[in-house]
Amino acid sequence: MASKILVAFFVGATLCAGGFAWYTRHDADQRIADANAADEKCEGSLAACTKARDEEKDASASAADALDASRAELAELRQQREESEKRLAAYKSLTEKFKKMIDSGKLQVVLRHGRMVVKLPAGILFASGSAELSKEGKEALREVAGVLKQVPDRRLMVAGHTDNVPVVQPSPFKNNLELSTARALTVADQLVQSGLPATRLVAAGYAEHEPVRENSSEAGRHENRRIEIVLLPNVTELPPDVVDASAPAAADAGDAGKAK
């Protein structure tokens, strides 16, 4: 009897131990699985955080770039406004200096292509078809020279313009290009005689190729027969990437007129 009891106890103990071992191993496996799941979850969260951080860095970099671009654009706009205000002030100043001649109808001061232009009707300066200055023309140019002496930082281009009516022959000039160029040279020479340095002047003839009005009417042709004194930009008004801009600007402008 005692031996049966011992056998039963041994069998029970063995079963209990086996059951405990199985439970322990199963519990360990479950805990390992839970740990792995938690680890994967943490890795996912870390990846999400890393991605969010990178996206935030990219967004911050984009915002910084946009801010820099906006600041640069604002600075450029401010510079453009300042330059426009300077040009307007210069235009008003020149107009005020020429007020007496403007009021008398001898000339006009206009802005064209961003440049200040002193415009004199050819009829005041020359007889029809001639490049010889009239007495009134010489007096007018002496007044003009007196004002332009007060603007010493500008080079000047004297531009001759005609209407589209051919030169009446016989004439010393074969065509309107020769006539307009001769008139421009005559005006430039008179300005030098009136005290302007020759180094500030260039002359060009444009013939009928740059009209300000239609040539279909006498009024339009009258407007187109003119001498213009163009105040060329100085170095401070040119873009910063232009090198040695002062002299070539005048030379290029003069060459362009002669080529027409």
Protein backbone atom coordinates (compact mmCIF):
# COMPACT_ATOMS: atom_id res chain seq x y z
CA MET A 1 0.00 0.00 0.00
CA ALA A 2 2.76 2.38 0.96
CA SER A 3 4.57 1.66 -2.27
CA LYS A 4 1.45 2.50 -4.29
CA ILE A 5 1.12 5.77 -2.46
CA LEU A 6 4.75 6.61 -3.18
CA VAL A 7 4.34 5.77 -6.84
CA ALA A 8 1.23 7.92 -7.06
CA PHE A 9 2.99 10.79 -5.33
CA PHE A 10 5.97 10.47 -7.67
CA VAL A 11 3.77 10.43 -10.73
CA GLY A 12 1.83 13.45 -9.48
CA ALA A 13 4.99 15.34 -8.70
CA THR A 14 6.35 14.56 -12.13
CA LEU A 15 3.17 15.75 -13.82
CA CYS A 16 3.16 18.90 -11.76
CA ALA A 17 6.77 19.62 -12.57
CA GLY A 18 6.14 19.00 -16.26
CA GLY A 19 3.12 21.24 -16.20
CA PHE A 20 5.01 23.96 -14.42
CA ALA A 21 7.89 23.67 -16.85
CA TRP A 22 5.50 23.91 -19.80
CA TYR A 23 3.76 26.88 -18.26
CA THR A 24 7.07 28.54 -17.50
CA ARG A 25 8.34 27.97 -21.06
CA HIS A 26 5.04 29.13 -22.54
CA ASP A 27 5.06 32.21 -20.35
CA ALA A 28 8.64 32.94 -21.35
CA ASP A 29 7.77 32.56 -25.03
CA GLN A 30 4.82 34.91 -24.58
CA ARG A 31 6.95 37.45 -22.81
CA ILE A 32 9.60 37.21 -25.53
CA ALA A 33 6.88 37.72 -28.17
CA ASP A 34 5.49 40.68 -26.21
CA ALA A 35 8.99 42.09 -25.87
CA ASN A 36 9.56 41.68 -29.61
CA ALA A 37 6.24 43.35 -30.36
CA ALA A 38 7.10 46.18 -28.00
CA ASP A 39 10.50 46.49 -29.64
CA GLU A 40 8.95 46.66 -33.10
CA LYS A 41 6.48 49.24 -31.83
CA CYS A 42 9.33 51.29 -30.40
CA GLU A 43 11.25 51.02 -33.66
CA GLY A 44 8.15 52.14 -35.55
CA SER A 45 7.68 55.07 -33.19
CA LEU A 46 11.37 55.96 -33.51
CA ALA A 47 11.16 55.83 -37.30
CA ALA A 48 8.03 57.99 -37.21
CA CYS A 49 9.74 60.47 -34.89
CA THR A 50 12.85 60.53 -37.09
CA LYS A 51 10.72 61.11 -40.18
CA ALA A 52 8.77 63.87 -38.43
CA ARG A 53 12.02 65.46 -37.28
CA ASP A 54 13.48 65.34 -40.80
CA GLU A 55 10.29 66.77 -42.27
CA GLU A 56 10.36 69.53 -39.66
CA LYS A 57 14.00 70.26 -40.52
CA ASP A 58 13.14 70.36 -44.23
CA ALA A 59 10.19 72.64 -43.52
CA SER A 60 12.39 74.90 -41.40
CA ALA A 61 15.02 75.00 -44.13
CA SER A 62 12.37 75.82 -46.75
CA ALA A 63 10.93 78.53 -44.52
CA ALA A 64 14.41 79.97 -43.99
CA ASP A 65 15.08 79.95 -47.74
CA ALA A 66 11.72 81.61 -48.41
CA LEU A 67 12.47 84.24 -45.77
CA ASP A 68 15.90 84.94 -47.27
CA ALA A 69 14.35 85.23 -50.74
CA SER A 70 11.68 87.59 -49.45
CA ARG A 71 14.27 89.75 -47.73
CA ALA A 72 16.41 89.85 -50.88
CA GLU A 73 13.37 90.75 -52.98
CA LEU A 74 12.38 93.45 -50.52
CA ALA A 75 15.90 94.88 -50.55
CA GLU A 76 15.88 94.89 -54.36
CA LEU A 77 12.49 96.62 -54.45
CA ARG A 78 13.72 99.23 -51.99
CA GLN A 79 16.80 99.82 -54.13
CA GLN A 80 14.66 100.14 -57.26
CA ARG A 81 12.40 102.62 -55.50
CA GLU A 82 15.38 104.66 -54.33
CA GLU A 83 16.81 104.67 -57.86
CA SER A 84 13.44 105.71 -59.30
CA GLU A 85 13.17 108.50 -56.75
CA LYS A 86 16.69 109.68 -57.65
CA ARG A 87 15.85 109.70 -61.37
CA LEU A 88 12.63 111.57 -60.71
CA ALA A 89 14.44 114.10 -58.56
CA ALA A 90 17.08 114.56 -61.28
CA TYR A 91 14.35 115.00 -63.90
CA LYS A 92 12.54 117.60 -61.78
CA SER A 93 15.81 119.40 -61.13
CA LEU A 94 16.68 119.51 -64.84
CA THR A 95 13.16 120.64 -65.75
CA GLU A 96 13.40 123.44 -63.20
CA LYS A 97 16.75 124.55 -64.63
CA PHE A 98 15.27 124.66 -68.13
CA LYS A 99 11.98 126.23 -66.98
CA LYS A 100 12.57 129.54 -68.76
CA MET A 101 13.32 127.87 -72.09
CA ILE A 102 10.45 125.40 -71.65
CA ASP A 103 8.00 128.21 -70.95
CA SER A 104 9.19 130.08 -74.04
CA GLY A 105 8.67 127.00 -76.23
CA LYS A 106 12.32 126.62 -77.18
CA LEU A 107 12.66 123.09 -75.87
CA GLN A 108 11.08 120.25 -73.92
CA VAL A 109 12.51 117.93 -71.28
CA VAL A 110 11.12 114.39 -71.54
CA LEU A 111 11.84 110.92 -70.21
CA ARG A 112 12.32 108.23 -72.84
CA HIS A 113 13.57 104.66 -72.28
CA GLY A 114 14.59 105.66 -68.76
CA ARG A 115 16.76 108.55 -69.97
CA MET A 116 16.34 112.29 -69.69
CA VAL A 117 16.13 113.96 -73.07
CA VAL A 118 16.33 117.67 -73.94
CA LYS A 119 14.37 118.05 -77.18
CA LEU A 120 14.74 121.08 -79.46
CA PRO A 121 12.64 121.55 -82.62
CA ALA A 122 14.83 121.58 -85.71
CA GLY A 123 12.95 124.68 -86.95
CA ILE A 124 14.41 126.77 -84.14
CA LEU A 125 17.96 125.68 -84.99
CA PHE A 126 18.10 125.19 -88.76
CA ALA A 127 16.51 126.29 -92.00
CA SER A 128 14.84 123.54 -94.01
CA GLY A 129 17.39 121.11 -95.49
CA SER A 130 20.31 122.94 -93.86
CA ALA A 131 22.84 122.00 -91.19
CA GLU A 132 23.91 125.60 -90.55
CA LEU A 133 22.72 127.02 -87.24
CA SER A 134 20.50 130.08 -87.27
CA LYS A 135 21.25 133.03 -85.01
CA GLU A 136 18.32 132.05 -82.81
CA GLY A 137 19.64 128.49 -82.75
CA LYS A 138 23.07 129.55 -81.54
CA GLU A 139 21.53 131.63 -78.77
CA ALA A 140 19.33 128.74 -77.70
CA LEU A 141 22.29 126.34 -77.58
CA ARG A 142 24.31 128.78 -75.51
CA GLU A 143 21.48 128.77 -72.97
CA VAL A 144 21.32 124.97 -73.10
CA ALA A 145 25.09 124.70 -72.54
CA GLY A 146 24.83 127.01 -69.54
CA VAL A 147 22.34 124.66 -67.91
CA LEU A 148 24.14 121.44 -68.85
CA LYS A 149 27.31 122.75 -67.21
CA GLN A 150 25.38 122.37 -63.95
CA VAL A 151 25.06 118.61 -64.58
CA PRO A 152 28.77 117.68 -64.75
CA ASP A 153 28.36 113.96 -64.00
CA ARG A 154 26.62 113.16 -67.33
CA ARG A 155 27.87 112.35 -70.78
CA LEU A 156 25.68 113.74 -73.52
CA MET A 157 24.63 112.33 -76.87
CA VAL A 158 23.45 114.80 -79.47
CA ALA A 159 21.02 112.98 -81.77
CA GLY A 160 19.75 114.37 -85.05
CA HIS A 161 16.31 113.30 -86.35
CA THR A 162 14.37 114.10 -89.51
CA ASP A 163 10.96 113.31 -90.95
CA ASN A 164 10.57 110.81 -93.80
CA VAL A 165 10.56 113.38 -96.61
CA PRO A 166 13.63 112.84 -98.86
CA VAL A 167 16.24 115.56 -99.06
CA VAL A 168 15.46 117.89 -101.95
CA GLN A 169 18.26 117.88 -104.52
CA PRO A 170 20.54 119.52 -105.29
CA SER A 171 21.84 119.43 -101.71
CA PRO A 172 25.15 118.87 -99.92
CA PHE A 173 23.44 115.86 -98.33
CA LYS A 174 22.53 112.71 -100.21
CA ASN A 175 19.87 111.61 -97.76
CA ASN A 176 18.30 112.20 -94.35
CA LEU A 177 21.00 110.20 -92.59
CA GLU A 178 23.70 112.57 -93.78
CA LEU A 179 21.53 115.60 -92.94
CA SER A 180 20.66 114.39 -89.42
CA THR A 181 24.28 113.46 -88.68
CA ALA A 182 25.59 116.83 -89.93
CA ARG A 183 23.07 118.65 -87.74
CA ALA A 184 24.03 116.61 -84.69
CA LEU A 185 27.72 117.37 -85.26
CA THR A 186 26.95 121.08 -85.71
CA VAL A 187 25.02 121.20 -82.43
CA ALA A 188 27.77 119.30 -80.59
CA ASP A 189 30.37 121.74 -81.93
CA GLN A 190 28.27 124.72 -80.80
CA LEU A 191 27.92 123.24 -77.31
CA VAL A 192 31.70 122.85 -77.10
CA GLN A 193 32.14 126.46 -78.22
CA SER A 194 29.66 127.42 -75.49
CA GLY A 195 31.83 125.85 -72.80
CA LEU A 196 30.94 122.16 -72.56
CA PRO A 197 33.94 119.79 -72.57
CA ALA A 198 34.21 117.86 -75.83
CA THR A 199 34.94 114.70 -73.80
CA ARG A 200 31.35 114.74 -72.57
CA LEU A 201 29.80 114.73 -76.04
CA VAL A 202 29.05 112.25 -78.79
CA ALA A 203 26.92 112.85 -81.87
CA ALA A 204 24.71 110.55 -83.93
CA GLY A 205 22.30 110.82 -86.82
CA TYR A 206 19.09 108.77 -86.86
CA ALA A 207 17.45 110.17 -90.01
CA GLU A 208 13.74 109.26 -90.02
CA HIS A 209 14.17 105.95 -88.19
CA GLU A 210 13.10 107.01 -84.68
CA PRO A 211 9.94 109.10 -85.10
CA VAL A 212 8.01 110.31 -82.07
CA ARG A 213 4.87 110.90 -84.16
CA GLU A 214 3.38 109.54 -87.36
CA ASN A 215 4.79 111.15 -90.50
CA SER A 216 1.36 111.12 -92.16
CA SER A 217 0.61 114.72 -91.13
CA GLU A 218 2.53 117.97 -91.18
CA ALA A 219 2.17 118.25 -87.39
CA GLY A 220 3.71 114.80 -87.01
CA ARG A 221 6.56 115.57 -89.40
CA HIS A 222 7.22 118.82 -87.52
CA GLU A 223 7.57 116.86 -84.25
CA ASN A 224 9.95 114.39 -85.86
CA ARG A 225 12.31 117.07 -87.18
CA ARG A 226 14.28 117.63 -84.01
CA ILE A 227 17.58 117.62 -82.16
CA GLU A 228 17.73 115.65 -78.92
CA ILE A 229 20.40 115.93 -76.26
CA VAL A 230 20.28 112.66 -74.34
CA LEU A 231 21.70 112.59 -70.82
CA LEU A 232 23.39 109.21 -70.68
CA PRO A 233 23.32 107.24 -67.40
CA ASN A 234 26.25 107.66 -65.07
CA VAL A 235 28.03 104.73 -63.44
CA THR A 236 25.95 104.79 -60.25
CA GLU A 237 22.74 104.28 -62.25
CA LEU A 238 23.98 101.22 -64.14
CA PRO A 239 23.64 97.59 -62.95
CA PRO A 240 26.47 96.50 -60.62
CA ASP A 241 27.66 93.77 -63.01
CA VAL A 242 28.48 96.29 -65.76
CA VAL A 243 32.23 96.87 -65.85
CA ASP A 244 33.75 100.21 -66.97
CA ALA A 245 30.28 101.36 -67.90
CA SER A 246 30.61 105.12 -68.24
CA ALA A 247 32.54 105.58 -71.48
CA PRO A 248 31.27 102.52 -73.40
CA ALA A 249 27.69 103.50 -72.67
CA ALA A 250 28.08 106.70 -74.63
CA ALA A 251 30.16 105.14 -77.37
CA ASP A 252 27.72 102.29 -77.89
CA ALA A 253 24.80 104.68 -78.04
CA GLY A 254 26.57 106.84 -80.59
CA ASP A 255 27.51 103.88 -82.77
CA ALA A 256 23.95 102.63 -82.68
CA GLY A 257 22.68 105.94 -84.04
CA LYS A 258 25.25 106.14 -86.81
CA ALA A 259 24.46 102.62 -87.94
CA LYS A 260 20.83 103.41 -88.68
